[in-house]
Amino acid sequence: MQIFFKTIVHSGLIILFSNILQAQNMYPRVPQTEFNLTDFNLQLPIEKDHSISIIKGTDIAQFSSKNFYFSPQDKSIRLFCSSDGQPTQNSHYPRTELRQAEEWHFEKKHSFKVKMAIMEQPSSGKIIIGQIHGNSKGTEALKIWWNNGQLQAGFKKEVNDKETRVTLLKNVSIGQIFDYSIEQNNLEIKVKIDQQISLFNLGNSWKSESVYFKAGNYLQDNKIPVTSGLVAIYNIELTK
């Protein structure tokens, strides 16, 4: 009986470790030698306390899941989100996003650079892949959109304004790598996608807002049957 019990215990441990190793192989952690993400918090489309799950920047290196993992084949961060994911309290849509931990105001200069690709799009064809965002409703100062193969920049002249959107790049393929950058200088914002540039001038209502950069997979789809989006990030860089 004792030998039989030990055999069961040992078999259980083997299965447990096997499952852990299998999960690690399926969803490898993002190595700090490739990406230092300590300046970001990770937002996941997983319900927690009537909102979403958040992984602090200091803990991201120890975390991986089907929503967030490292792809050794192309050395990219993969951010996955499905249309049935948990949204934040102020949104109808789910997200797997990296959110800058340190906030700032529209004074002096701040910049953000990302190299990425869209690997899969949802049924709507729309994903927000970059943002300057504030803490209250209506404070999405800037959004970088993937819209069915078009890359667009949308901005709000004043807090709570309707978004104005312009297309910077067309006919971008699934899997095609591109760069975007956001450069803020006081109330002026320059958006560059590959070699295409747009300038936006914000109004004075933004001066009192505390904001931050975001990048990733803010899926603009919540429909059933479930569809999903997947993005790959090859480089992400903040300049303070």
C-alpha atoms as a PDB file:
ATOM      1  CA  MET A   1       0.000   0.000   0.000  1.00  0.00           C
ATOM      2  CA  GLN A   2       2.764   2.413   0.900  1.00  0.00           C
ATOM      3  CA  ILE A   3       4.652   1.652  -2.304  1.00  0.00           C
ATOM      4  CA  PHE A   4       1.447   2.104  -4.294  1.00  0.00           C
ATOM      5  CA  PHE A   5       0.771   5.473  -2.587  1.00  0.00           C
ATOM      6  CA  LYS A   6       4.301   6.684  -3.306  1.00  0.00           C
ATOM      7  CA  THR A   7       3.887   5.645  -6.913  1.00  0.00           C
ATOM      8  CA  ILE A   8       0.691   7.704  -7.178  1.00  0.00           C
ATOM      9  CA  VAL A   9       2.357  10.716  -5.520  1.00  0.00           C
ATOM     10  CA  HIS A  10       5.401  10.463  -7.747  1.00  0.00           C
ATOM     11  CA  SER A  11       3.189  10.085 -10.825  1.00  0.00           C
ATOM     12  CA  GLY A  12       1.191  13.140  -9.750  1.00  0.00           C
ATOM     13  CA  LEU A  13       4.361  15.198  -9.358  1.00  0.00           C
ATOM     14  CA  ILE A  14       5.605  14.075 -12.741  1.00  0.00           C
ATOM     15  CA  ILE A  15       2.304  15.083 -14.348  1.00  0.00           C
ATOM     16  CA  LEU A  16       2.371  18.442 -12.511  1.00  0.00           C
ATOM     17  CA  PHE A  17       5.924  19.249 -13.593  1.00  0.00           C
ATOM     18  CA  SER A  18       5.139  18.044 -17.091  1.00  0.00           C
ATOM     19  CA  ASN A  19       2.157  20.412 -17.268  1.00  0.00           C
ATOM     20  CA  ILE A  20       4.309  23.291 -15.987  1.00  0.00           C
ATOM     21  CA  LEU A  21       7.017  22.597 -18.554  1.00  0.00           C
ATOM     22  CA  GLN A  22       4.426  22.281 -21.310  1.00  0.00           C
ATOM     23  CA  ALA A  23       2.890  25.635 -20.339  1.00  0.00           C
ATOM     24  CA  GLN A  24       6.331  27.259 -20.257  1.00  0.00           C
ATOM     25  CA  ASN A  25       7.091  25.884 -23.714  1.00  0.00           C
ATOM     26  CA  MET A  26       3.742  27.101 -25.084  1.00  0.00           C
ATOM     27  CA  TYR A  27       3.917  30.521 -23.437  1.00  0.00           C
ATOM     28  CA  PRO A  28       7.554  31.458 -22.680  1.00  0.00           C
ATOM     29  CA  ARG A  29       8.223  34.426 -20.441  1.00  0.00           C
ATOM     30  CA  VAL A  30       9.567  37.612 -21.988  1.00  0.00           C
ATOM     31  CA  PRO A  31      13.324  37.656 -21.252  1.00  0.00           C
ATOM     32  CA  GLN A  32      14.661  40.818 -19.653  1.00  0.00           C
ATOM     33  CA  THR A  33      17.727  40.542 -21.884  1.00  0.00           C
ATOM     34  CA  GLU A  34      15.413  41.246 -24.846  1.00  0.00           C
ATOM     35  CA  PHE A  35      12.848  43.617 -23.284  1.00  0.00           C
ATOM     36  CA  ASN A  36      12.948  45.706 -20.115  1.00  0.00           C
ATOM     37  CA  LEU A  37       9.272  46.284 -19.282  1.00  0.00           C
ATOM     38  CA  THR A  38       9.656  47.615 -15.748  1.00  0.00           C
ATOM     39  CA  ASP A  39       8.314  51.029 -16.863  1.00  0.00           C
ATOM     40  CA  PHE A  40       4.965  49.450 -17.800  1.00  0.00           C
ATOM     41  CA  ASN A  41       2.070  47.665 -16.160  1.00  0.00           C
ATOM     42  CA  LEU A  42       0.384  44.875 -18.109  1.00  0.00           C
ATOM     43  CA  GLN A  43      -3.413  45.007 -18.453  1.00  0.00           C
ATOM     44  CA  LEU A  44      -5.100  41.677 -19.194  1.00  0.00           C
ATOM     45  CA  PRO A  45      -8.670  40.863 -20.351  1.00  0.00           C
ATOM     46  CA  ILE A  46      -9.213  38.629 -17.314  1.00  0.00           C
ATOM     47  CA  GLU A  47     -11.825  39.504 -14.685  1.00  0.00           C
ATOM     48  CA  LYS A  48     -10.617  40.491 -11.229  1.00  0.00           C
ATOM     49  CA  ASP A  49     -12.654  42.395  -8.625  1.00  0.00           C
ATOM     50  CA  HIS A  50     -15.225  43.491 -11.240  1.00  0.00           C
ATOM     51  CA  SER A  51     -12.468  44.943 -13.434  1.00  0.00           C
ATOM     52  CA  ILE A  52      -9.392  43.527 -15.176  1.00  0.00           C
ATOM     53  CA  SER A  53      -6.181  41.831 -14.041  1.00  0.00           C
ATOM     54  CA  ILE A  54      -3.025  43.929 -13.860  1.00  0.00           C
ATOM     55  CA  ILE A  55       0.571  42.699 -13.638  1.00  0.00           C
ATOM     56  CA  LYS A  56       2.989  45.261 -12.216  1.00  0.00           C
ATOM     57  CA  GLY A  57       6.088  46.082 -14.228  1.00  0.00           C
ATOM     58  CA  THR A  58       8.438  44.500 -11.697  1.00  0.00           C
ATOM     59  CA  ASP A  59       6.499  41.209 -12.009  1.00  0.00           C
ATOM     60  CA  ILE A  60       6.077  41.011 -15.793  1.00  0.00           C
ATOM     61  CA  ALA A  61       9.374  39.131 -16.252  1.00  0.00           C
ATOM     62  CA  GLN A  62       7.958  36.306 -14.116  1.00  0.00           C
ATOM     63  CA  PHE A  63       4.623  36.149 -15.929  1.00  0.00           C
ATOM     64  CA  SER A  64       3.329  34.548 -19.112  1.00  0.00           C
ATOM     65  CA  SER A  65      -0.003  33.266 -20.383  1.00  0.00           C
ATOM     66  CA  LYS A  66      -1.888  32.766 -23.638  1.00  0.00           C
ATOM     67  CA  ASN A  67      -2.531  36.535 -23.598  1.00  0.00           C
ATOM     68  CA  PHE A  68       1.091  37.588 -23.130  1.00  0.00           C
ATOM     69  CA  TYR A  69       4.209  35.619 -24.027  1.00  0.00           C
ATOM     70  CA  PHE A  70       7.527  35.645 -25.867  1.00  0.00           C
ATOM     71  CA  SER A  71       7.953  34.197 -29.360  1.00  0.00           C
ATOM     72  CA  PRO A  72      11.522  32.804 -29.657  1.00  0.00           C
ATOM     73  CA  GLN A  73      11.106  32.357 -33.411  1.00  0.00           C
ATOM     74  CA  ASP A  74      11.064  36.081 -34.161  1.00  0.00           C
ATOM     75  CA  LYS A  75      12.001  37.444 -30.694  1.00  0.00           C
ATOM     76  CA  SER A  76       8.748  39.348 -30.280  1.00  0.00           C
ATOM     77  CA  ILE A  77       6.281  39.909 -27.466  1.00  0.00           C
ATOM     78  CA  ARG A  78       2.914  38.437 -28.408  1.00  0.00           C
ATOM     79  CA  LEU A  79      -0.250  40.098 -27.063  1.00  0.00           C
ATOM     80  CA  PHE A  80      -3.448  38.119 -27.623  1.00  0.00           C
ATOM     81  CA  CYS A  81      -7.016  39.219 -26.927  1.00  0.00           C
ATOM     82  CA  SER A  82     -10.377  37.642 -27.774  1.00  0.00           C
ATOM     83  CA  SER A  83     -13.687  39.439 -28.162  1.00  0.00           C
ATOM     84  CA  ASP A  84     -15.166  37.766 -25.067  1.00  0.00           C
ATOM     85  CA  GLY A  85     -12.436  39.149 -22.786  1.00  0.00           C
ATOM     86  CA  GLN A  86     -13.162  41.247 -19.702  1.00  0.00           C
ATOM     87  CA  PRO A  87     -13.270  44.999 -20.446  1.00  0.00           C
ATOM     88  CA  THR A  88     -12.302  47.772 -18.056  1.00  0.00           C
ATOM     89  CA  GLN A  89     -15.086  49.596 -16.237  1.00  0.00           C
ATOM     90  CA  ASN A  90     -15.003  52.537 -18.666  1.00  0.00           C
ATOM     91  CA  SER A  91     -14.923  50.514 -21.880  1.00  0.00           C
ATOM     92  CA  HIS A  92     -17.029  48.061 -23.858  1.00  0.00           C
ATOM     93  CA  TYR A  93     -13.956  46.341 -25.306  1.00  0.00           C
ATOM     94  CA  PRO A  94     -11.231  44.021 -23.940  1.00  0.00           C
ATOM     95  CA  ARG A  95      -7.509  44.650 -24.075  1.00  0.00           C
ATOM     96  CA  THR A  96      -4.055  43.184 -23.562  1.00  0.00           C
ATOM     97  CA  GLU A  97      -2.023  46.366 -23.234  1.00  0.00           C
ATOM     98  CA  LEU A  98       1.209  47.691 -21.792  1.00  0.00           C
ATOM     99  CA  ARG A  99       0.444  50.863 -19.841  1.00  0.00           C
ATOM    100  CA  GLN A 100       3.182  53.308 -18.896  1.00  0.00           C
ATOM    101  CA  ALA A 101       3.394  53.350 -15.094  1.00  0.00           C
ATOM    102  CA  GLU A 102       4.697  56.906 -14.740  1.00  0.00           C
ATOM    103  CA  GLU A 103       2.281  59.668 -15.708  1.00  0.00           C
ATOM    104  CA  TRP A 104       3.077  63.104 -17.130  1.00  0.00           C
ATOM    105  CA  HIS A 105       1.491  66.368 -18.305  1.00  0.00           C
ATOM    106  CA  PHE A 106       1.506  68.134 -21.661  1.00  0.00           C
ATOM    107  CA  GLU A 107       4.626  70.130 -20.939  1.00  0.00           C
ATOM    108  CA  LYS A 108       8.247  69.591 -21.931  1.00  0.00           C
ATOM    109  CA  LYS A 109       8.887  66.563 -24.179  1.00  0.00           C
ATOM    110  CA  HIS A 110       7.981  62.862 -24.086  1.00  0.00           C
ATOM    111  CA  SER A 111       8.301  60.268 -26.818  1.00  0.00           C
ATOM    112  CA  PHE A 112       7.360  56.682 -27.520  1.00  0.00           C
ATOM    113  CA  LYS A 113       8.553  54.281 -30.229  1.00  0.00           C
ATOM    114  CA  VAL A 114       7.201  50.852 -31.167  1.00  0.00           C
ATOM    115  CA  LYS A 115       8.127  48.306 -33.851  1.00  0.00           C
ATOM    116  CA  MET A 116       5.342  45.786 -34.342  1.00  0.00           C
ATOM    117  CA  ALA A 117       3.073  43.758 -36.626  1.00  0.00           C
ATOM    118  CA  ILE A 118      -0.552  42.670 -36.598  1.00  0.00           C
ATOM    119  CA  MET A 119      -0.629  38.882 -36.751  1.00  0.00           C
ATOM    120  CA  GLU A 120      -4.400  38.398 -36.542  1.00  0.00           C
ATOM    121  CA  GLN A 121      -7.372  40.786 -36.606  1.00  0.00           C
ATOM    122  CA  PRO A 122     -10.892  40.340 -35.135  1.00  0.00           C
ATOM    123  CA  SER A 123     -14.123  40.324 -37.146  1.00  0.00           C
ATOM    124  CA  SER A 124     -14.376  44.132 -36.888  1.00  0.00           C
ATOM    125  CA  GLY A 125     -10.859  44.462 -38.336  1.00  0.00           C
ATOM    126  CA  LYS A 126     -10.049  47.112 -35.726  1.00  0.00           C
ATOM    127  CA  ILE A 127      -7.405  47.239 -32.980  1.00  0.00           C
ATOM    128  CA  ILE A 128      -6.048  50.261 -31.133  1.00  0.00           C
ATOM    129  CA  ILE A 129      -2.291  49.650 -30.968  1.00  0.00           C
ATOM    130  CA  GLY A 130      -1.019  52.831 -29.272  1.00  0.00           C
ATOM    131  CA  GLN A 131      -2.387  55.658 -27.136  1.00  0.00           C
ATOM    132  CA  ILE A 132      -1.851  58.750 -25.070  1.00  0.00           C
ATOM    133  CA  HIS A 133      -4.505  58.281 -22.415  1.00  0.00           C
ATOM    134  CA  GLY A 134      -5.675  60.029 -19.252  1.00  0.00           C
ATOM    135  CA  ASN A 135      -7.408  58.841 -16.101  1.00  0.00           C
ATOM    136  CA  SER A 136     -10.994  59.862 -16.753  1.00  0.00           C
ATOM    137  CA  LYS A 137     -13.564  59.368 -19.490  1.00  0.00           C
ATOM    138  CA  GLY A 138     -12.924  61.414 -22.633  1.00  0.00           C
ATOM    139  CA  THR A 139      -9.186  61.747 -22.056  1.00  0.00           C
ATOM    140  CA  GLU A 140      -7.943  59.654 -24.974  1.00  0.00           C
ATOM    141  CA  ALA A 141      -5.762  62.398 -26.429  1.00  0.00           C
ATOM    142  CA  LEU A 142      -4.305  60.206 -29.187  1.00  0.00           C
ATOM    143  CA  LYS A 143      -4.946  56.749 -30.607  1.00  0.00           C
ATOM    144  CA  ILE A 144      -3.017  54.748 -33.194  1.00  0.00           C
ATOM    145  CA  TRP A 145      -5.462  52.493 -35.057  1.00  0.00           C
ATOM    146  CA  TRP A 146      -5.186  49.341 -37.099  1.00  0.00           C
ATOM    147  CA  ASN A 147      -8.288  49.434 -39.298  1.00  0.00           C
ATOM    148  CA  ASN A 148      -8.495  46.558 -41.797  1.00  0.00           C
ATOM    149  CA  GLY A 149      -4.982  47.107 -43.116  1.00  0.00           C
ATOM    150  CA  GLN A 150      -4.921  50.877 -42.678  1.00  0.00           C
ATOM    151  CA  LEU A 151      -2.862  52.608 -39.989  1.00  0.00           C
ATOM    152  CA  GLN A 152      -4.571  55.700 -38.653  1.00  0.00           C
ATOM    153  CA  ALA A 153      -4.009  58.375 -36.019  1.00  0.00           C
ATOM    154  CA  GLY A 154      -6.941  59.825 -34.111  1.00  0.00           C
ATOM    155  CA  PHE A 155      -6.810  62.781 -31.718  1.00  0.00           C
ATOM    156  CA  LYS A 156      -9.095  64.970 -29.615  1.00  0.00           C
ATOM    157  CA  LYS A 157      -8.418  68.692 -29.907  1.00  0.00           C
ATOM    158  CA  GLU A 158      -9.918  69.263 -26.461  1.00  0.00           C
ATOM    159  CA  VAL A 159     -10.823  66.941 -23.600  1.00  0.00           C
ATOM    160  CA  ASN A 160     -14.115  65.131 -24.391  1.00  0.00           C
ATOM    161  CA  ASP A 161     -14.070  66.233 -28.033  1.00  0.00           C
ATOM    162  CA  LYS A 162     -15.090  63.888 -30.812  1.00  0.00           C
ATOM    163  CA  GLU A 163     -12.078  62.107 -32.275  1.00  0.00           C
ATOM    164  CA  THR A 164     -10.643  63.321 -35.594  1.00  0.00           C
ATOM    165  CA  ARG A 165      -8.904  60.548 -37.508  1.00  0.00           C
ATOM    166  CA  VAL A 166      -6.432  60.569 -40.411  1.00  0.00           C
ATOM    167  CA  THR A 167      -4.962  57.662 -42.382  1.00  0.00           C
ATOM    168  CA  LEU A 168      -1.172  57.567 -42.551  1.00  0.00           C
ATOM    169  CA  LEU A 169      -0.520  54.213 -44.215  1.00  0.00           C
ATOM    170  CA  LYS A 170      -2.677  51.956 -46.404  1.00  0.00           C
ATOM    171  CA  ASN A 171      -2.537  48.343 -47.584  1.00  0.00           C
ATOM    172  CA  VAL A 172      -0.537  47.026 -44.636  1.00  0.00           C
ATOM    173  CA  SER A 173      -0.578  43.234 -44.640  1.00  0.00           C
ATOM    174  CA  ILE A 174      -1.136  40.871 -41.763  1.00  0.00           C
ATOM    175  CA  GLY A 175       2.334  40.011 -40.467  1.00  0.00           C
ATOM    176  CA  GLN A 176       3.981  43.084 -42.033  1.00  0.00           C
ATOM    177  CA  ILE A 177       6.360  44.833 -39.615  1.00  0.00           C
ATOM    178  CA  PHE A 178       6.078  48.601 -39.257  1.00  0.00           C
ATOM    179  CA  ASP A 179       7.297  51.345 -36.907  1.00  0.00           C
ATOM    180  CA  TYR A 180       5.333  54.073 -35.239  1.00  0.00           C
ATOM    181  CA  SER A 181       6.491  56.896 -33.003  1.00  0.00           C
ATOM    182  CA  ILE A 182       4.712  59.531 -30.933  1.00  0.00           C
ATOM    183  CA  GLU A 183       6.638  62.692 -30.078  1.00  0.00           C
ATOM    184  CA  GLN A 184       5.022  65.196 -27.709  1.00  0.00           C
ATOM    185  CA  ASN A 185       6.345  68.724 -27.236  1.00  0.00           C
ATOM    186  CA  ASN A 186       4.082  70.748 -24.944  1.00  0.00           C
ATOM    187  CA  LEU A 187       0.700  70.706 -26.745  1.00  0.00           C
ATOM    188  CA  GLU A 188       2.088  69.578 -30.111  1.00  0.00           C
ATOM    189  CA  ILE A 189       2.129  65.901 -31.071  1.00  0.00           C
ATOM    190  CA  LYS A 190       3.955  64.400 -34.046  1.00  0.00           C
ATOM    191  CA  VAL A 191       2.937  60.914 -35.157  1.00  0.00           C
ATOM    192  CA  LYS A 192       5.182  59.031 -37.567  1.00  0.00           C
ATOM    193  CA  ILE A 193       4.264  55.654 -39.086  1.00  0.00           C
ATOM    194  CA  ASP A 194       7.098  54.380 -41.230  1.00  0.00           C
ATOM    195  CA  GLN A 195       7.848  57.572 -43.224  1.00  0.00           C
ATOM    196  CA  GLN A 196       4.371  59.136 -43.007  1.00  0.00           C
ATOM    197  CA  ILE A 197       4.024  62.056 -40.556  1.00  0.00           C
ATOM    198  CA  SER A 198       1.059  63.941 -39.087  1.00  0.00           C
ATOM    199  CA  LEU A 199       1.138  66.879 -36.661  1.00  0.00           C
ATOM    200  CA  PHE A 200      -1.604  67.601 -34.127  1.00  0.00           C
ATOM    201  CA  ASN A 201      -2.032  70.637 -31.909  1.00  0.00           C
ATOM    202  CA  LEU A 202      -4.016  70.121 -28.713  1.00  0.00           C
ATOM    203  CA  GLY A 203      -6.055  72.743 -26.882  1.00  0.00           C
ATOM    204  CA  ASN A 204      -5.460  74.208 -23.444  1.00  0.00           C
ATOM    205  CA  SER A 205      -7.960  71.882 -21.727  1.00  0.00           C
ATOM    206  CA  TRP A 206      -5.281  69.155 -21.858  1.00  0.00           C
ATOM    207  CA  LYS A 207      -2.844  71.082 -19.666  1.00  0.00           C
ATOM    208  CA  SER A 208      -4.436  69.878 -16.425  1.00  0.00           C
ATOM    209  CA  GLU A 209      -4.652  66.220 -17.471  1.00  0.00           C
ATOM    210  CA  SER A 210      -2.244  63.568 -16.224  1.00  0.00           C
ATOM    211  CA  VAL A 211      -1.587  61.131 -19.081  1.00  0.00           C
ATOM    212  CA  TYR A 212       0.516  58.116 -20.095  1.00  0.00           C
ATOM    213  CA  PHE A 213       1.500  56.077 -23.159  1.00  0.00           C
ATOM    214  CA  LYS A 214      -0.006  52.695 -23.988  1.00  0.00           C
ATOM    215  CA  ALA A 215       0.806  50.034 -26.580  1.00  0.00           C
ATOM    216  CA  GLY A 216      -0.570  46.635 -27.456  1.00  0.00           C
ATOM    217  CA  ASN A 217      -3.854  45.033 -28.387  1.00  0.00           C
ATOM    218  CA  TYR A 218      -6.940  47.050 -27.444  1.00  0.00           C
ATOM    219  CA  LEU A 219      -9.418  44.935 -29.389  1.00  0.00           C
ATOM    220  CA  GLN A 220     -12.284  46.929 -30.896  1.00  0.00           C
ATOM    221  CA  ASP A 221     -14.607  43.944 -30.938  1.00  0.00           C
ATOM    222  CA  ASN A 222     -16.887  42.341 -28.360  1.00  0.00           C
ATOM    223  CA  LYS A 223     -19.053  40.257 -30.635  1.00  0.00           C
ATOM    224  CA  ILE A 224     -20.214  36.637 -30.495  1.00  0.00           C
ATOM    225  CA  PRO A 225     -19.188  34.294 -32.100  1.00  0.00           C
ATOM    226  CA  VAL A 226     -15.804  34.978 -30.557  1.00  0.00           C
ATOM    227  CA  THR A 227     -12.995  36.306 -32.716  1.00  0.00           C
ATOM    228  CA  SER A 228      -9.579  37.523 -31.653  1.00  0.00           C
ATOM    229  CA  GLY A 229      -6.581  39.685 -32.396  1.00  0.00           C
ATOM    230  CA  LEU A 230      -2.875  39.021 -32.004  1.00  0.00           C
ATOM    231  CA  VAL A 231      -0.059  41.572 -32.210  1.00  0.00           C
ATOM    232  CA  ALA A 232       3.717  41.158 -32.118  1.00  0.00           C
ATOM    233  CA  ILE A 233       5.972  43.830 -30.602  1.00  0.00           C
ATOM    234  CA  TYR A 234       9.632  43.760 -31.658  1.00  0.00           C
ATOM    235  CA  ASN A 235      10.749  46.912 -29.863  1.00  0.00           C
ATOM    236  CA  ILE A 236       9.182  49.317 -27.396  1.00  0.00           C
ATOM    237  CA  GLU A 237      10.997  52.416 -26.177  1.00  0.00           C
ATOM    238  CA  LEU A 238      10.119  55.313 -23.877  1.00  0.00           C
ATOM    239  CA  THR A 239      12.016  58.590 -23.695  1.00  0.00           C
ATOM    240  CA  LYS A 240      11.342  60.623 -20.580  1.00  0.00           C
END
